[in-house]
Amino acid sequence: MANSAQARKRARQAVKARASNASLRSRLRTAIKAVRKAVADGDKTAANDVLRASTSVIDSIADKKIIHKNKAARHKSRLSAAIKAMA
């Protein structure tokens, strides 16, 4: 357990930050799953619309440094490629 007042405060802040980061990561995963589901359903226009919305979620989470910007770019690229590969 933390001994100094400063360490106790940092421990409290870490709990709040962890909860916030977990919530944002969950939003990211949900956005990615939504695009994958749209691709699996086979509707290209709907998949494009969902990708557009998911892209902003992915970018905002990368801006907050929850994930690295290159990981965000990789996700967007793969989702876009999946849509382009649709018949």
N, C-alpha and C. Protein backbone atom coordinates (compact mmCIF):
# COMPACT_ATOMS: atom_id res chain seq x y z
N MET A 1 0.84 -1.19 0.00
CA MET A 1 0.00 0.00 0.00
C MET A 1 0.88 1.24 0.00
N ALA A 2 0.36 2.31 -0.60
CA ALA A 2 1.13 3.55 -0.70
C ALA A 2 1.30 4.18 0.68
N ASN A 3 2.49 4.71 0.93
CA ASN A 3 2.79 5.28 2.25
C ASN A 3 2.65 6.79 2.29
N SER A 4 2.99 7.48 1.23
CA SER A 4 2.92 8.94 1.25
C SER A 4 1.59 9.42 0.68
N ALA A 5 1.24 10.64 1.00
CA ALA A 5 0.00 11.23 0.50
C ALA A 5 0.03 11.30 -1.02
N GLN A 6 1.19 11.62 -1.56
CA GLN A 6 1.34 11.71 -3.02
C GLN A 6 1.11 10.36 -3.68
N ALA A 7 1.65 9.32 -3.08
CA ALA A 7 1.50 7.98 -3.64
C ALA A 7 0.05 7.51 -3.54
N ARG A 8 -0.62 7.86 -2.43
CA ARG A 8 -2.03 7.49 -2.29
C ARG A 8 -2.87 8.18 -3.36
N LYS A 9 -2.57 9.45 -3.59
CA LYS A 9 -3.33 10.19 -4.61
C LYS A 9 -3.08 9.59 -5.99
N ARG A 10 -1.83 9.26 -6.30
CA ARG A 10 -1.52 8.66 -7.61
C ARG A 10 -2.24 7.32 -7.77
N ALA A 11 -2.37 6.57 -6.69
CA ALA A 11 -3.08 5.30 -6.75
C ALA A 11 -4.56 5.53 -7.05
N ARG A 12 -5.15 6.55 -6.41
CA ARG A 12 -6.56 6.88 -6.69
C ARG A 12 -6.73 7.30 -8.15
N GLN A 13 -5.82 8.13 -8.64
CA GLN A 13 -5.91 8.61 -10.02
C GLN A 13 -5.73 7.46 -11.00
N ALA A 14 -4.86 6.51 -10.67
CA ALA A 14 -4.61 5.38 -11.56
C ALA A 14 -5.86 4.53 -11.71
N VAL A 15 -6.63 4.38 -10.64
CA VAL A 15 -7.87 3.60 -10.71
C VAL A 15 -8.85 4.27 -11.66
N LYS A 16 -8.98 5.59 -11.55
CA LYS A 16 -9.90 6.32 -12.43
C LYS A 16 -9.44 6.26 -13.89
N ALA A 17 -8.15 6.43 -14.10
CA ALA A 17 -7.61 6.40 -15.46
C ALA A 17 -7.79 5.03 -16.09
N ARG A 18 -7.58 3.98 -15.29
CA ARG A 18 -7.73 2.62 -15.80
C ARG A 18 -9.17 2.36 -16.22
N ALA A 19 -10.12 2.82 -15.44
CA ALA A 19 -11.53 2.64 -15.78
C ALA A 19 -11.88 3.39 -17.06
N SER A 20 -11.36 4.60 -17.18
CA SER A 20 -11.62 5.40 -18.38
C SER A 20 -11.02 4.75 -19.61
N ASN A 21 -9.77 4.28 -19.49
CA ASN A 21 -9.09 3.65 -20.62
C ASN A 21 -9.79 2.36 -21.03
N ALA A 22 -10.27 1.60 -20.05
CA ALA A 22 -10.97 0.36 -20.35
C ALA A 22 -12.25 0.64 -21.12
N SER A 23 -12.95 1.69 -20.73
CA SER A 23 -14.18 2.08 -21.42
C SER A 23 -13.89 2.48 -22.87
N LEU A 24 -12.83 3.24 -23.08
CA LEU A 24 -12.47 3.66 -24.43
C LEU A 24 -12.04 2.48 -25.28
N ARG A 25 -11.27 1.55 -24.69
CA ARG A 25 -10.86 0.36 -25.44
C ARG A 25 -12.06 -0.48 -25.85
N SER A 26 -13.05 -0.53 -24.98
CA SER A 26 -14.28 -1.26 -25.29
C SER A 26 -15.01 -0.61 -26.46
N ARG A 27 -15.06 0.73 -26.47
CA ARG A 27 -15.68 1.45 -27.60
C ARG A 27 -14.95 1.14 -28.90
N LEU A 28 -13.62 1.07 -28.84
CA LEU A 28 -12.82 0.75 -30.01
C LEU A 28 -13.17 -0.64 -30.54
N ARG A 29 -13.20 -1.63 -29.65
CA ARG A 29 -13.48 -2.99 -30.07
C ARG A 29 -14.89 -3.11 -30.64
N THR A 30 -15.83 -2.41 -30.04
CA THR A 30 -17.21 -2.44 -30.53
C THR A 30 -17.29 -1.85 -31.94
N ALA A 31 -16.56 -0.75 -32.18
CA ALA A 31 -16.57 -0.12 -33.49
C ALA A 31 -15.99 -1.05 -34.55
N ILE A 32 -14.91 -1.74 -34.20
CA ILE A 32 -14.27 -2.66 -35.15
C ILE A 32 -15.21 -3.84 -35.45
N LYS A 33 -15.84 -4.37 -34.40
CA LYS A 33 -16.78 -5.48 -34.60
C LYS A 33 -17.96 -5.08 -35.46
N ALA A 34 -18.40 -3.83 -35.34
CA ALA A 34 -19.54 -3.36 -36.13
C ALA A 34 -19.20 -3.39 -37.62
N VAL A 35 -17.98 -2.98 -37.96
CA VAL A 35 -17.57 -3.00 -39.37
C VAL A 35 -17.46 -4.44 -39.86
N ARG A 36 -16.85 -5.30 -39.05
CA ARG A 36 -16.72 -6.71 -39.45
C ARG A 36 -18.08 -7.37 -39.65
N LYS A 37 -19.04 -7.01 -38.81
CA LYS A 37 -20.38 -7.57 -38.94
C LYS A 37 -21.04 -7.07 -40.23
N ALA A 38 -20.85 -5.79 -40.55
CA ALA A 38 -21.42 -5.25 -41.78
C ALA A 38 -20.80 -5.93 -43.00
N VAL A 39 -19.50 -6.21 -42.94
CA VAL A 39 -18.84 -6.91 -44.05
C VAL A 39 -19.38 -8.33 -44.16
N ALA A 40 -19.56 -8.98 -43.03
CA ALA A 40 -20.08 -10.36 -43.04
C ALA A 40 -21.50 -10.42 -43.57
N ASP A 41 -22.29 -9.37 -43.31
CA ASP A 41 -23.67 -9.33 -43.80
C ASP A 41 -23.72 -9.11 -45.31
N GLY A 42 -22.67 -8.55 -45.88
CA GLY A 42 -22.56 -8.44 -47.32
C GLY A 42 -23.09 -7.16 -47.93
N ASP A 43 -23.48 -6.18 -47.12
CA ASP A 43 -24.00 -4.92 -47.65
C ASP A 43 -22.87 -3.90 -47.70
N LYS A 44 -22.39 -3.62 -48.91
CA LYS A 44 -21.20 -2.78 -49.06
C LYS A 44 -21.46 -1.33 -48.66
N THR A 45 -22.63 -0.78 -49.01
CA THR A 45 -22.90 0.62 -48.67
C THR A 45 -23.04 0.78 -47.15
N ALA A 46 -23.71 -0.17 -46.51
CA ALA A 46 -23.84 -0.11 -45.05
C ALA A 46 -22.47 -0.25 -44.39
N ALA A 47 -21.64 -1.13 -44.93
CA ALA A 47 -20.30 -1.32 -44.39
C ALA A 47 -19.48 -0.04 -44.50
N ASN A 48 -19.61 0.67 -45.62
CA ASN A 48 -18.90 1.94 -45.78
C ASN A 48 -19.37 2.97 -44.77
N ASP A 49 -20.69 3.02 -44.52
CA ASP A 49 -21.21 3.97 -43.55
C ASP A 49 -20.69 3.65 -42.15
N VAL A 50 -20.70 2.39 -41.81
CA VAL A 50 -20.21 1.98 -40.48
C VAL A 50 -18.71 2.25 -40.37
N LEU A 51 -17.98 2.02 -41.44
CA LEU A 51 -16.54 2.29 -41.43
C LEU A 51 -16.27 3.76 -41.18
N ARG A 52 -17.04 4.62 -41.81
CA ARG A 52 -16.85 6.06 -41.64
C ARG A 52 -17.03 6.45 -40.17
N ALA A 53 -18.07 5.91 -39.53
CA ALA A 53 -18.30 6.21 -38.12
C ALA A 53 -17.21 5.60 -37.24
N SER A 54 -16.80 4.39 -37.58
CA SER A 54 -15.78 3.71 -36.78
C SER A 54 -14.42 4.37 -36.91
N THR A 55 -14.15 4.95 -38.06
CA THR A 55 -12.87 5.62 -38.27
C THR A 55 -12.69 6.77 -37.29
N SER A 56 -13.77 7.53 -37.06
CA SER A 56 -13.64 8.65 -36.13
C SER A 56 -13.43 8.15 -34.71
N VAL A 57 -14.06 7.04 -34.35
CA VAL A 57 -13.85 6.46 -33.02
C VAL A 57 -12.40 6.00 -32.87
N ILE A 58 -11.90 5.30 -33.89
CA ILE A 58 -10.53 4.80 -33.85
C ILE A 58 -9.53 5.96 -33.74
N ASP A 59 -9.75 7.00 -34.54
CA ASP A 59 -8.84 8.15 -34.51
C ASP A 59 -8.87 8.87 -33.17
N SER A 60 -10.06 9.03 -32.60
CA SER A 60 -10.14 9.76 -31.32
C SER A 60 -9.44 8.98 -30.21
N ILE A 61 -9.54 7.66 -30.25
CA ILE A 61 -8.88 6.85 -29.22
C ILE A 61 -7.37 6.86 -29.42
N ALA A 62 -6.92 6.92 -30.67
CA ALA A 62 -5.48 7.02 -30.93
C ALA A 62 -4.97 8.40 -30.50
N ASP A 63 -5.77 9.44 -30.68
CA ASP A 63 -5.37 10.78 -30.26
C ASP A 63 -5.18 10.85 -28.74
N LYS A 64 -5.98 10.07 -28.02
CA LYS A 64 -5.87 10.05 -26.55
C LYS A 64 -4.77 9.10 -26.08
N LYS A 65 -4.07 8.50 -27.04
CA LYS A 65 -2.94 7.59 -26.78
C LYS A 65 -3.35 6.34 -26.00
N ILE A 66 -4.59 5.90 -26.19
CA ILE A 66 -5.03 4.63 -25.62
C ILE A 66 -4.43 3.51 -26.45
N ILE A 67 -4.39 3.72 -27.78
CA ILE A 67 -3.66 2.82 -28.67
C ILE A 67 -2.69 3.67 -29.49
N HIS A 68 -1.67 3.03 -30.03
CA HIS A 68 -0.68 3.73 -30.83
C HIS A 68 -1.29 4.13 -32.17
N LYS A 69 -0.83 5.25 -32.73
CA LYS A 69 -1.38 5.75 -34.00
C LYS A 69 -1.17 4.74 -35.13
N ASN A 70 -0.07 3.98 -35.09
CA ASN A 70 0.16 2.99 -36.14
C ASN A 70 -0.82 1.82 -36.03
N LYS A 71 -1.18 1.47 -34.81
CA LYS A 71 -2.18 0.42 -34.62
C LYS A 71 -3.53 0.88 -35.14
N ALA A 72 -3.85 2.14 -34.90
CA ALA A 72 -5.11 2.70 -35.41
C ALA A 72 -5.11 2.67 -36.93
N ALA A 73 -4.00 3.06 -37.54
CA ALA A 73 -3.89 3.06 -39.00
C ALA A 73 -4.01 1.64 -39.55
N ARG A 74 -3.43 0.68 -38.85
CA ARG A 74 -3.49 -0.71 -39.28
C ARG A 74 -4.93 -1.23 -39.24
N HIS A 75 -5.64 -0.91 -38.18
CA HIS A 75 -7.05 -1.33 -38.09
C HIS A 75 -7.87 -0.72 -39.22
N LYS A 76 -7.70 0.58 -39.44
CA LYS A 76 -8.48 1.25 -40.49
C LYS A 76 -8.16 0.67 -41.86
N SER A 77 -6.88 0.39 -42.10
CA SER A 77 -6.46 -0.15 -43.38
C SER A 77 -7.06 -1.53 -43.63
N ARG A 78 -7.02 -2.38 -42.61
CA ARG A 78 -7.54 -3.74 -42.76
C ARG A 78 -9.05 -3.75 -42.93
N LEU A 79 -9.73 -2.87 -42.20
CA LEU A 79 -11.19 -2.80 -42.36
C LEU A 79 -11.57 -2.29 -43.75
N SER A 80 -10.84 -1.29 -44.21
CA SER A 80 -11.07 -0.75 -45.54
C SER A 80 -10.81 -1.80 -46.63
N ALA A 81 -9.74 -2.56 -46.45
CA ALA A 81 -9.41 -3.61 -47.41
C ALA A 81 -10.48 -4.69 -47.42
N ALA A 82 -11.04 -5.00 -46.25
CA ALA A 82 -12.09 -6.01 -46.17
C ALA A 82 -13.33 -5.56 -46.94
N ILE A 83 -13.63 -4.26 -46.86
CA ILE A 83 -14.79 -3.73 -47.59
C ILE A 83 -14.52 -3.74 -49.09
N LYS A 84 -13.30 -3.36 -49.48
CA LYS A 84 -12.96 -3.34 -50.91
C LYS A 84 -12.98 -4.74 -51.50
N ALA A 85 -12.68 -5.75 -50.69
CA ALA A 85 -12.65 -7.14 -51.17
C ALA A 85 -14.03 -7.72 -51.34
N MET A 86 -15.06 -7.03 -50.87
CA MET A 86 -16.42 -7.55 -50.99
C MET A 86 -16.82 -7.63 -52.46
N ALA A 87 -17.62 -8.62 -52.81
CA ALA A 87 -18.03 -8.81 -54.21
C ALA A 87 -19.00 -7.73 -54.66
